[in-house]
Amino acid sequence: MMWPFRAPYPVLHECLVNLKGGKTAFRGAVWRRRDGFLVLKRAVQLLDEGRPVKRPLDGELVIPEGNIEFLQVLG
């Protein structure tokens, strides 16, 4: 994924992150982008294999940027 934002945007913003394939999605605060990875805090899984879920995740969620289809800033 080409990162279209300049620092610090959208860091520290609530975002919706959809992974490639459209079957997995997360919501969380973008904490940082580092070495090709996006780190979310307070992450909640919204889609699991295409099924709606609302599953809070413990700790930080680290997502390889190459797996991200799109990112939507929510707030």
Protein backbone atom coordinates (compact mmCIF):
# COMPACT_ATOMS: atom_id res chain seq x y z
CA MET A 1 0.00 0.00 0.00
CA MET A 2 1.37 3.41 -0.84
CA TRP A 3 1.05 5.61 2.23
CA PRO A 4 -0.79 8.74 1.01
CA PHE A 5 -0.42 10.69 4.26
CA ARG A 6 2.38 12.84 5.55
CA ALA A 7 3.31 12.52 9.23
CA PRO A 8 1.62 12.92 11.64
CA TYR A 9 -1.71 12.44 9.81
CA PRO A 10 -3.65 10.14 10.47
CA VAL A 11 -1.62 9.04 13.50
CA LEU A 12 -3.67 9.21 16.70
CA HIS A 13 -6.92 9.23 14.72
CA GLU A 14 -9.61 6.57 14.88
CA CYS A 15 -9.53 4.58 11.63
CA LEU A 16 -11.20 1.68 9.90
CA VAL A 17 -8.64 -0.67 8.33
CA ASN A 18 -9.81 -3.16 5.69
CA LEU A 19 -7.44 -5.93 4.72
CA LYS A 20 -7.04 -7.26 1.19
CA GLY A 21 -9.73 -9.70 0.17
CA GLY A 22 -12.45 -7.76 2.01
CA LYS A 23 -13.01 -10.46 4.62
CA THR A 24 -11.25 -8.86 7.59
CA ALA A 25 -11.62 -5.36 9.05
CA PHE A 26 -10.46 -3.61 12.20
CA ARG A 27 -11.22 -0.33 13.93
CA GLY A 28 -8.71 1.36 16.19
CA ALA A 29 -6.51 4.35 16.88
CA VAL A 30 -3.52 4.51 14.54
CA TRP A 31 -0.62 4.65 16.97
CA ARG A 32 2.32 4.60 14.59
CA ARG A 33 3.66 3.48 11.24
CA ARG A 34 7.06 1.86 11.37
CA ASP A 35 9.17 -0.32 9.10
CA GLY A 36 6.27 -1.25 6.83
CA PHE A 37 3.81 -1.93 9.64
CA LEU A 38 0.78 -0.04 10.98
CA VAL A 39 0.19 -0.23 14.75
CA LEU A 40 -3.35 0.15 16.14
CA LYS A 41 -4.29 0.66 19.80
CA ARG A 42 -7.74 -0.07 21.25
CA ALA A 43 -8.36 -2.30 18.22
CA VAL A 44 -11.68 -4.04 17.60
CA GLN A 45 -12.13 -6.69 14.92
CA LEU A 46 -15.26 -5.89 12.91
CA LEU A 47 -15.17 -8.59 10.21
CA ASP A 48 -13.85 -12.14 10.48
CA GLU A 49 -13.90 -14.16 7.25
CA GLY A 50 -16.67 -11.83 6.02
CA ARG A 51 -18.87 -12.34 9.09
CA PRO A 52 -19.69 -9.32 11.26
CA VAL A 53 -18.16 -9.52 14.74
CA LYS A 54 -17.32 -6.96 17.39
CA ARG A 55 -14.31 -8.50 19.10
CA PRO A 56 -12.06 -6.25 21.22
CA LEU A 57 -8.38 -7.22 20.94
CA ASP A 58 -5.87 -7.14 23.78
CA GLY A 59 -2.73 -5.07 23.39
CA GLU A 60 -1.59 -3.52 20.13
CA LEU A 61 -2.46 -4.82 16.68
CA VAL A 62 0.42 -4.82 14.19
CA ILE A 63 -0.62 -5.02 10.51
CA PRO A 64 1.82 -5.32 7.59
CA GLU A 65 1.10 -2.41 5.21
CA GLY A 66 1.14 -4.80 2.25
CA ASN A 67 -2.00 -6.49 3.64
CA ILE A 68 -4.04 -3.27 3.84
CA GLU A 69 -6.58 -2.66 1.08
CA PHE A 70 -7.74 0.71 2.36
CA LEU A 71 -7.81 2.86 5.46
CA GLN A 72 -10.68 5.21 6.34
CA VAL A 73 -10.22 8.00 8.90
CA LEU A 74 -13.30 8.14 11.15
CA GLY A 75 -12.80 11.05 13.45
